[in-house]
Amino acid sequence: MRGRGWIKALRQDEARQVRARIAELERDLMATTPMGRHRRFETGHELRNAKFRLERLDECIAEIPEKCRR
């Protein structure tokens, strides 16, 4: 069975990936290249979802203690 540290490391890695995706989506939205209306809508929607996911991951990570207190 794996411990809290392993689970926390997984969540932190997932949060790093989500942050990278958020940065990529924000660059896409700010780019000067023409992007169709539908594509901008999809990118904005994905960006909102990624930010929501990151918020939940940060909450989850904050709740996992570093070491077990007895």
N, C-alpha and C. Protein backbone atom coordinates (compact mmCIF):
# COMPACT_ATOMS: atom_id res chain seq x y z
N MET A 1 0.84 -1.18 0.00
CA MET A 1 0.00 0.00 0.00
C MET A 1 0.88 1.24 0.00
N ARG A 2 0.48 2.23 -0.73
CA ARG A 2 1.28 3.45 -0.84
C ARG A 2 0.82 4.47 0.18
N GLY A 3 1.73 5.34 0.57
CA GLY A 3 1.44 6.30 1.61
C GLY A 3 1.01 7.66 1.10
N ARG A 4 0.80 8.55 2.07
CA ARG A 4 0.35 9.90 1.76
C ARG A 4 1.35 10.65 0.90
N GLY A 5 2.64 10.43 1.18
CA GLY A 5 3.68 11.12 0.42
C GLY A 5 3.61 10.80 -1.06
N TRP A 6 3.34 9.56 -1.37
CA TRP A 6 3.23 9.13 -2.77
C TRP A 6 2.02 9.79 -3.44
N ILE A 7 0.91 9.79 -2.73
CA ILE A 7 -0.31 10.40 -3.27
C ILE A 7 -0.11 11.90 -3.45
N LYS A 8 0.52 12.54 -2.48
CA LYS A 8 0.77 13.98 -2.58
C LYS A 8 1.68 14.28 -3.77
N ALA A 9 2.70 13.46 -3.97
CA ALA A 9 3.60 13.65 -5.11
C ALA A 9 2.85 13.51 -6.43
N LEU A 10 1.93 12.55 -6.50
CA LEU A 10 1.11 12.40 -7.71
C LEU A 10 0.28 13.64 -7.98
N ARG A 11 -0.35 14.15 -6.94
CA ARG A 11 -1.19 15.35 -7.08
C ARG A 11 -0.35 16.57 -7.48
N GLN A 12 0.85 16.69 -6.90
CA GLN A 12 1.72 17.81 -7.24
C GLN A 12 2.18 17.72 -8.69
N ASP A 13 2.46 16.52 -9.15
CA ASP A 13 2.85 16.34 -10.55
C ASP A 13 1.69 16.69 -11.47
N GLU A 14 0.50 16.25 -11.10
CA GLU A 14 -0.68 16.57 -11.89
C GLU A 14 -0.92 18.09 -11.93
N ALA A 15 -0.71 18.75 -10.80
CA ALA A 15 -0.87 20.21 -10.73
C ALA A 15 0.14 20.91 -11.64
N ARG A 16 1.38 20.40 -11.69
CA ARG A 16 2.39 20.99 -12.58
C ARG A 16 1.95 20.86 -14.04
N GLN A 17 1.40 19.71 -14.39
CA GLN A 17 0.93 19.50 -15.76
C GLN A 17 -0.23 20.43 -16.10
N VAL A 18 -1.13 20.61 -15.16
CA VAL A 18 -2.28 21.49 -15.39
C VAL A 18 -1.80 22.94 -15.53
N ARG A 19 -0.82 23.35 -14.70
CA ARG A 19 -0.28 24.71 -14.82
C ARG A 19 0.36 24.93 -16.19
N ALA A 20 1.08 23.93 -16.67
CA ALA A 20 1.70 24.03 -17.99
C ALA A 20 0.63 24.16 -19.07
N ARG A 21 -0.44 23.40 -18.95
CA ARG A 21 -1.53 23.46 -19.94
C ARG A 21 -2.22 24.82 -19.89
N ILE A 22 -2.41 25.37 -18.68
CA ILE A 22 -3.02 26.69 -18.54
C ILE A 22 -2.16 27.73 -19.25
N ALA A 23 -0.85 27.67 -19.04
CA ALA A 23 0.05 28.63 -19.70
C ALA A 23 -0.05 28.51 -21.22
N GLU A 24 -0.12 27.30 -21.71
CA GLU A 24 -0.24 27.07 -23.15
C GLU A 24 -1.55 27.63 -23.70
N LEU A 25 -2.64 27.40 -22.99
CA LEU A 25 -3.95 27.90 -23.43
C LEU A 25 -3.98 29.43 -23.41
N GLU A 26 -3.39 30.03 -22.38
CA GLU A 26 -3.35 31.49 -22.31
C GLU A 26 -2.53 32.08 -23.45
N ARG A 27 -1.41 31.42 -23.78
CA ARG A 27 -0.61 31.88 -24.93
C ARG A 27 -1.43 31.79 -26.22
N ASP A 28 -2.17 30.70 -26.37
CA ASP A 28 -3.01 30.53 -27.56
C ASP A 28 -4.04 31.64 -27.68
N LEU A 29 -4.65 32.01 -26.56
CA LEU A 29 -5.68 33.06 -26.60
C LEU A 29 -5.09 34.44 -26.89
N MET A 30 -3.86 34.67 -26.46
CA MET A 30 -3.24 35.98 -26.66
C MET A 30 -2.45 36.07 -27.96
N ALA A 31 -2.30 34.98 -28.65
CA ALA A 31 -1.52 34.97 -29.89
C ALA A 31 -2.19 35.86 -30.95
N THR A 32 -1.36 36.41 -31.80
CA THR A 32 -1.87 37.30 -32.84
C THR A 32 -2.37 36.53 -34.06
N THR A 33 -2.13 35.23 -34.08
CA THR A 33 -2.59 34.44 -35.21
C THR A 33 -4.12 34.37 -35.21
N PRO A 34 -4.72 34.40 -36.36
CA PRO A 34 -6.19 34.36 -36.41
C PRO A 34 -6.72 33.00 -35.92
N MET A 35 -7.67 33.09 -35.03
CA MET A 35 -8.28 31.88 -34.47
C MET A 35 -9.78 32.05 -34.65
N GLY A 36 -10.39 31.05 -35.18
CA GLY A 36 -11.84 31.12 -35.40
C GLY A 36 -12.60 31.28 -34.10
N ARG A 37 -13.80 31.79 -34.23
CA ARG A 37 -14.63 32.05 -33.06
C ARG A 37 -14.89 30.77 -32.25
N HIS A 38 -15.16 29.71 -32.96
CA HIS A 38 -15.44 28.43 -32.29
C HIS A 38 -14.21 27.93 -31.55
N ARG A 39 -13.04 28.06 -32.17
CA ARG A 39 -11.79 27.60 -31.54
C ARG A 39 -11.48 28.43 -30.30
N ARG A 40 -11.72 29.75 -30.37
CA ARG A 40 -11.50 30.60 -29.19
C ARG A 40 -12.43 30.18 -28.06
N PHE A 41 -13.67 29.89 -28.41
CA PHE A 41 -14.63 29.45 -27.40
C PHE A 41 -14.17 28.16 -26.74
N GLU A 42 -13.73 27.19 -27.55
CA GLU A 42 -13.24 25.91 -27.01
C GLU A 42 -12.02 26.12 -26.11
N THR A 43 -11.10 26.97 -26.54
CA THR A 43 -9.89 27.25 -25.75
C THR A 43 -10.25 27.91 -24.43
N GLY A 44 -11.16 28.87 -24.48
CA GLY A 44 -11.61 29.53 -23.25
C GLY A 44 -12.29 28.57 -22.30
N HIS A 45 -13.09 27.69 -22.85
CA HIS A 45 -13.79 26.70 -22.03
C HIS A 45 -12.78 25.75 -21.37
N GLU A 46 -11.82 25.28 -22.16
CA GLU A 46 -10.80 24.39 -21.60
C GLU A 46 -9.96 25.11 -20.54
N LEU A 47 -9.68 26.39 -20.75
CA LEU A 47 -8.92 27.17 -19.79
C LEU A 47 -9.68 27.29 -18.46
N ARG A 48 -10.96 27.58 -18.52
CA ARG A 48 -11.77 27.65 -17.29
C ARG A 48 -11.78 26.32 -16.56
N ASN A 49 -11.93 25.24 -17.30
CA ASN A 49 -11.93 23.91 -16.67
C ASN A 49 -10.58 23.59 -16.04
N ALA A 50 -9.49 23.95 -16.72
CA ALA A 50 -8.16 23.68 -16.19
C ALA A 50 -7.91 24.49 -14.91
N LYS A 51 -8.36 25.73 -14.89
CA LYS A 51 -8.19 26.56 -13.68
C LYS A 51 -8.99 25.99 -12.52
N PHE A 52 -10.19 25.52 -12.81
CA PHE A 52 -11.02 24.90 -11.77
C PHE A 52 -10.33 23.64 -11.24
N ARG A 53 -9.81 22.82 -12.14
CA ARG A 53 -9.12 21.59 -11.75
C ARG A 53 -7.90 21.90 -10.90
N LEU A 54 -7.14 22.93 -11.28
CA LEU A 54 -5.96 23.32 -10.51
C LEU A 54 -6.35 23.78 -9.11
N GLU A 55 -7.43 24.52 -9.01
CA GLU A 55 -7.90 24.98 -7.70
C GLU A 55 -8.22 23.78 -6.80
N ARG A 56 -8.90 22.79 -7.35
CA ARG A 56 -9.24 21.59 -6.58
C ARG A 56 -7.99 20.80 -6.19
N LEU A 57 -7.04 20.69 -7.12
CA LEU A 57 -5.79 19.98 -6.81
C LEU A 57 -5.02 20.69 -5.70
N ASP A 58 -4.96 22.02 -5.77
CA ASP A 58 -4.26 22.78 -4.72
C ASP A 58 -4.91 22.57 -3.36
N GLU A 59 -6.24 22.53 -3.33
CA GLU A 59 -6.95 22.27 -2.08
C GLU A 59 -6.62 20.87 -1.57
N CYS A 60 -6.61 19.91 -2.45
CA CYS A 60 -6.31 18.53 -2.09
C CYS A 60 -4.88 18.41 -1.54
N ILE A 61 -3.93 19.03 -2.22
CA ILE A 61 -2.53 18.98 -1.80
C ILE A 61 -2.36 19.62 -0.43
N ALA A 62 -3.05 20.73 -0.20
CA ALA A 62 -2.94 21.44 1.08
C ALA A 62 -3.46 20.60 2.24
N GLU A 63 -4.42 19.74 1.98
CA GLU A 63 -5.02 18.92 3.03
C GLU A 63 -4.21 17.67 3.38
N ILE A 64 -3.28 17.29 2.54
CA ILE A 64 -2.48 16.10 2.80
C ILE A 64 -1.29 16.50 3.67
N PRO A 65 -1.23 15.98 4.90
CA PRO A 65 -0.11 16.34 5.78
C PRO A 65 1.20 15.72 5.30
N GLU A 66 2.30 16.40 5.59
CA GLU A 66 3.62 15.89 5.22
C GLU A 66 3.93 14.57 5.95
N LYS A 67 3.71 14.59 7.25
CA LYS A 67 3.98 13.40 8.07
C LYS A 67 2.80 13.13 8.97
N CYS A 68 2.64 11.90 9.30
CA CYS A 68 1.55 11.49 10.17
C CYS A 68 1.87 11.91 11.61
N ARG A 69 0.93 12.61 12.25
CA ARG A 69 1.12 13.04 13.64
C ARG A 69 0.38 12.09 14.54
N ARG A 70 1.05 11.59 15.56
CA ARG A 70 0.39 10.66 16.50
C ARG A 70 0.46 11.19 17.90
